[in-house]
N, C-alpha and C. Protein backbone atom coordinates (compact mmCIF):
# COMPACT_ATOMS: atom_id res chain seq x y z
N MET A 1 0.85 -1.18 0.00
CA MET A 1 0.00 0.00 0.00
C MET A 1 0.90 1.24 0.00
N PRO A 2 0.74 2.13 -0.97
CA PRO A 2 1.57 3.33 -1.02
C PRO A 2 1.33 4.25 0.18
N THR A 3 2.40 4.92 0.60
CA THR A 3 2.32 5.88 1.70
C THR A 3 3.04 7.16 1.29
N HIS A 4 2.41 8.30 1.58
CA HIS A 4 3.01 9.60 1.28
C HIS A 4 2.93 10.49 2.52
N ARG A 5 3.94 11.36 2.64
CA ARG A 5 3.93 12.41 3.65
C ARG A 5 3.75 13.72 2.88
N TYR A 6 2.87 14.58 3.37
CA TYR A 6 2.60 15.85 2.70
C TYR A 6 2.88 16.99 3.67
N HIS A 7 3.44 18.08 3.15
CA HIS A 7 3.57 19.33 3.89
C HIS A 7 2.72 20.35 3.14
N VAL A 8 1.73 20.90 3.83
CA VAL A 8 0.77 21.81 3.22
C VAL A 8 1.03 23.21 3.78
N SER A 9 1.25 24.16 2.88
CA SER A 9 1.54 25.55 3.25
C SER A 9 0.39 26.47 2.88
N GLY A 10 0.37 27.62 3.53
CA GLY A 10 -0.66 28.63 3.27
C GLY A 10 -1.40 28.93 4.56
N ARG A 11 -2.64 29.38 4.42
CA ARG A 11 -3.47 29.61 5.61
C ARG A 11 -4.19 28.29 5.88
N VAL A 12 -3.52 27.42 6.64
CA VAL A 12 -4.05 26.07 6.88
C VAL A 12 -4.17 25.72 8.36
N GLN A 13 -3.82 26.64 9.24
CA GLN A 13 -4.02 26.42 10.68
C GLN A 13 -5.10 27.37 11.17
N GLY A 14 -5.95 26.85 12.05
CA GLY A 14 -7.02 27.67 12.61
C GLY A 14 -8.22 27.85 11.70
N VAL A 15 -8.31 27.01 10.66
CA VAL A 15 -9.41 27.13 9.69
C VAL A 15 -10.15 25.80 9.51
N GLY A 16 -9.90 24.83 10.40
CA GLY A 16 -10.58 23.53 10.31
C GLY A 16 -9.94 22.57 9.32
N TYR A 17 -8.70 22.85 8.92
CA TYR A 17 -8.05 22.01 7.91
C TYR A 17 -7.84 20.58 8.41
N ARG A 18 -7.35 20.42 9.64
CA ARG A 18 -7.08 19.06 10.14
C ARG A 18 -8.36 18.25 10.26
N ARG A 19 -9.42 18.82 10.80
CA ARG A 19 -10.69 18.09 10.94
C ARG A 19 -11.23 17.70 9.57
N ALA A 20 -11.21 18.62 8.62
CA ALA A 20 -11.71 18.34 7.28
C ALA A 20 -10.83 17.29 6.58
N ALA A 21 -9.51 17.35 6.80
CA ALA A 21 -8.61 16.35 6.20
C ALA A 21 -8.92 14.97 6.77
N CYS A 22 -9.16 14.90 8.07
CA CYS A 22 -9.52 13.63 8.71
C CYS A 22 -10.82 13.08 8.13
N ASP A 23 -11.83 13.91 8.04
CA ASP A 23 -13.12 13.48 7.49
C ASP A 23 -12.97 12.99 6.06
N THR A 24 -12.17 13.70 5.26
CA THR A 24 -11.96 13.32 3.86
C THR A 24 -11.20 12.01 3.78
N ALA A 25 -10.18 11.84 4.60
CA ALA A 25 -9.40 10.60 4.61
C ALA A 25 -10.28 9.41 4.95
N VAL A 26 -11.11 9.55 5.97
CA VAL A 26 -11.99 8.46 6.37
C VAL A 26 -12.95 8.11 5.23
N ARG A 27 -13.50 9.14 4.59
CA ARG A 27 -14.43 8.91 3.47
C ARG A 27 -13.75 8.17 2.32
N LEU A 28 -12.45 8.44 2.11
CA LEU A 28 -11.70 7.82 1.00
C LEU A 28 -10.98 6.53 1.40
N SER A 29 -11.15 6.09 2.65
CA SER A 29 -10.46 4.90 3.17
C SER A 29 -8.95 5.06 3.16
N VAL A 30 -8.49 6.25 3.55
CA VAL A 30 -7.06 6.54 3.69
C VAL A 30 -6.72 6.47 5.18
N CYS A 31 -5.62 5.81 5.51
CA CYS A 31 -5.14 5.70 6.90
C CYS A 31 -4.01 6.69 7.13
N GLY A 32 -3.82 7.11 8.39
CA GLY A 32 -2.69 7.98 8.70
C GLY A 32 -3.01 8.98 9.77
N TRP A 33 -2.43 10.17 9.64
CA TRP A 33 -2.63 11.22 10.62
C TRP A 33 -2.36 12.59 10.00
N VAL A 34 -2.80 13.62 10.72
CA VAL A 34 -2.58 15.02 10.32
C VAL A 34 -2.22 15.81 11.57
N ARG A 35 -1.28 16.74 11.44
CA ARG A 35 -0.90 17.57 12.58
C ARG A 35 -0.41 18.93 12.12
N ASN A 36 -0.52 19.92 13.02
CA ASN A 36 0.05 21.24 12.77
C ASN A 36 1.55 21.20 13.02
N LEU A 37 2.30 21.97 12.25
CA LEU A 37 3.73 22.15 12.46
C LEU A 37 3.96 23.53 13.06
N PRO A 38 5.03 23.71 13.84
CA PRO A 38 5.29 25.00 14.49
C PRO A 38 5.47 26.17 13.51
N ASP A 39 5.84 25.87 12.27
CA ASP A 39 6.09 26.94 11.29
C ASP A 39 4.83 27.37 10.53
N GLY A 40 3.65 26.85 10.93
CA GLY A 40 2.40 27.25 10.29
C GLY A 40 1.90 26.31 9.21
N ARG A 41 2.71 25.32 8.85
CA ARG A 41 2.27 24.33 7.87
C ARG A 41 1.50 23.21 8.56
N VAL A 42 0.86 22.37 7.76
CA VAL A 42 0.21 21.16 8.24
C VAL A 42 0.94 19.98 7.62
N GLU A 43 1.19 18.95 8.43
CA GLU A 43 1.85 17.74 7.95
C GLU A 43 0.83 16.61 7.96
N VAL A 44 0.87 15.79 6.91
CA VAL A 44 -0.06 14.67 6.76
C VAL A 44 0.72 13.42 6.38
N LEU A 45 0.42 12.30 7.02
CA LEU A 45 0.93 11.00 6.60
C LEU A 45 -0.28 10.20 6.16
N ALA A 46 -0.23 9.66 4.94
CA ALA A 46 -1.39 8.98 4.39
C ALA A 46 -1.00 7.70 3.66
N SER A 47 -1.73 6.62 3.94
CA SER A 47 -1.56 5.34 3.25
C SER A 47 -2.90 4.93 2.66
N GLY A 48 -2.86 4.35 1.48
CA GLY A 48 -4.08 3.89 0.85
C GLY A 48 -3.80 3.42 -0.56
N SER A 49 -4.86 3.11 -1.27
CA SER A 49 -4.71 2.72 -2.66
C SER A 49 -4.23 3.93 -3.46
N ALA A 50 -3.63 3.67 -4.61
CA ALA A 50 -3.15 4.76 -5.46
C ALA A 50 -4.30 5.71 -5.82
N GLU A 51 -5.46 5.15 -6.10
CA GLU A 51 -6.62 5.97 -6.47
C GLU A 51 -7.07 6.83 -5.29
N ALA A 52 -7.13 6.24 -4.09
CA ALA A 52 -7.55 6.99 -2.91
C ALA A 52 -6.55 8.10 -2.59
N LEU A 53 -5.25 7.80 -2.69
CA LEU A 53 -4.24 8.82 -2.41
C LEU A 53 -4.28 9.95 -3.43
N SER A 54 -4.57 9.62 -4.68
CA SER A 54 -4.68 10.65 -5.71
C SER A 54 -5.84 11.60 -5.39
N SER A 55 -6.98 11.05 -5.00
CA SER A 55 -8.14 11.87 -4.64
C SER A 55 -7.86 12.68 -3.39
N PHE A 56 -7.19 12.08 -2.41
CA PHE A 56 -6.86 12.77 -1.17
C PHE A 56 -5.88 13.92 -1.44
N ALA A 57 -4.87 13.66 -2.26
CA ALA A 57 -3.90 14.72 -2.59
C ALA A 57 -4.58 15.88 -3.30
N ALA A 58 -5.53 15.59 -4.18
CA ALA A 58 -6.27 16.65 -4.86
C ALA A 58 -7.04 17.48 -3.83
N TRP A 59 -7.64 16.81 -2.84
CA TRP A 59 -8.35 17.55 -1.80
C TRP A 59 -7.39 18.40 -0.98
N LEU A 60 -6.19 17.87 -0.65
CA LEU A 60 -5.22 18.63 0.15
C LEU A 60 -4.86 19.95 -0.51
N HIS A 61 -4.83 19.98 -1.84
CA HIS A 61 -4.52 21.22 -2.56
C HIS A 61 -5.61 22.27 -2.42
N GLN A 62 -6.83 21.83 -2.12
CA GLN A 62 -7.94 22.77 -1.98
C GLN A 62 -8.27 23.04 -0.52
N GLY A 63 -8.43 21.98 0.27
CA GLY A 63 -8.76 22.12 1.69
C GLY A 63 -10.18 22.61 1.90
N PRO A 64 -10.53 22.91 3.17
CA PRO A 64 -11.86 23.41 3.47
C PRO A 64 -12.03 24.85 3.00
N SER A 65 -13.24 25.35 3.05
CA SER A 65 -13.55 26.65 2.45
C SER A 65 -12.76 27.82 3.04
N LEU A 66 -12.42 27.79 4.33
CA LEU A 66 -11.70 28.91 4.93
C LEU A 66 -10.18 28.85 4.70
N ALA A 67 -9.68 27.72 4.23
CA ALA A 67 -8.24 27.57 3.99
C ALA A 67 -7.83 28.22 2.67
N ARG A 68 -6.58 28.62 2.62
CA ARG A 68 -5.97 29.13 1.39
C ARG A 68 -4.64 28.41 1.22
N VAL A 69 -4.66 27.31 0.47
CA VAL A 69 -3.47 26.48 0.28
C VAL A 69 -2.58 27.11 -0.77
N SER A 70 -1.32 27.34 -0.42
CA SER A 70 -0.37 27.90 -1.39
C SER A 70 0.54 26.84 -1.99
N ALA A 71 0.78 25.73 -1.27
CA ALA A 71 1.65 24.67 -1.79
C ALA A 71 1.41 23.38 -1.03
N VAL A 72 1.57 22.27 -1.74
CA VAL A 72 1.56 20.94 -1.13
C VAL A 72 2.77 20.20 -1.67
N VAL A 73 3.65 19.80 -0.77
CA VAL A 73 4.85 19.05 -1.16
C VAL A 73 4.65 17.61 -0.69
N SER A 74 4.87 16.65 -1.59
CA SER A 74 4.66 15.24 -1.30
C SER A 74 5.99 14.50 -1.25
N PHE A 75 6.12 13.60 -0.27
CA PHE A 75 7.29 12.75 -0.12
C PHE A 75 6.83 11.30 -0.03
N ASP A 76 7.49 10.40 -0.74
CA ASP A 76 7.19 8.97 -0.59
C ASP A 76 7.73 8.49 0.75
N CYS A 77 7.02 7.55 1.37
CA CYS A 77 7.45 6.95 2.63
C CYS A 77 7.48 5.44 2.46
N ALA A 78 8.42 4.80 3.12
CA ALA A 78 8.53 3.35 3.04
C ALA A 78 7.59 2.63 4.00
N GLU A 79 7.29 3.26 5.13
CA GLU A 79 6.49 2.62 6.16
C GLU A 79 5.03 3.04 6.07
N PRO A 80 4.10 2.08 5.93
CA PRO A 80 2.68 2.45 5.85
C PRO A 80 2.15 2.94 7.19
N ALA A 81 1.10 3.76 7.13
CA ALA A 81 0.43 4.25 8.33
C ALA A 81 -0.40 3.13 8.95
N LEU A 82 -0.67 3.24 10.22
CA LEU A 82 -1.52 2.27 10.90
C LEU A 82 -2.97 2.48 10.51
N ALA A 83 -3.83 1.57 10.92
CA ALA A 83 -5.25 1.67 10.59
C ALA A 83 -5.87 2.92 11.22
N GLY A 84 -6.88 3.46 10.55
CA GLY A 84 -7.57 4.64 11.04
C GLY A 84 -6.88 5.92 10.62
N PHE A 85 -7.47 7.04 10.99
CA PHE A 85 -6.89 8.34 10.69
C PHE A 85 -7.06 9.22 11.91
N ASP A 86 -5.96 9.80 12.39
CA ASP A 86 -5.94 10.57 13.63
C ASP A 86 -5.56 12.02 13.41
N ILE A 87 -6.08 12.88 14.28
CA ILE A 87 -5.63 14.27 14.36
C ILE A 87 -4.66 14.33 15.53
N ARG A 88 -3.47 14.81 15.26
CA ARG A 88 -2.45 14.89 16.32
C ARG A 88 -2.23 16.32 16.74
């Protein structure tokens, strides 16, 4: 199962981004977690089918209505995420 780590930049903290990312991941059957970073970005670890990760990545670029995403950087990861999706 492919796993990716994402760093999302822009206005992504304090706008419901993590909760919406969690809801979207669960809907798409993506496992992993999402957390705020001290520098204002959001970090996401996601495992799932290639199709699910593609849909999830597309959502990460848009985010919830109050967010303003300026960039999403993706990194491949060797270790898959555990079952479920958590907000950290």
